[in-house]
């Protein structure tokens, strides 16, 4: 997890290599709950077509 600005983070998740890769489309998001944070939050899916890691997913 990286802080990009005072209110934006970058979260990179890597799925199990044996699972089916996620297929993201423009506008999709995930609601993620982080331990120690009171409320879950929606994160936008960001994936470069040049990313060579099919099981790696970035949320902003």
Foldseek 3Di string as FASTA:
>chain_A
DADPDPPDGKDKDFDDPPDDFDDDDPPDWDFDDDPPDDGTDIWGWDDDPPDPRRRMTMTD
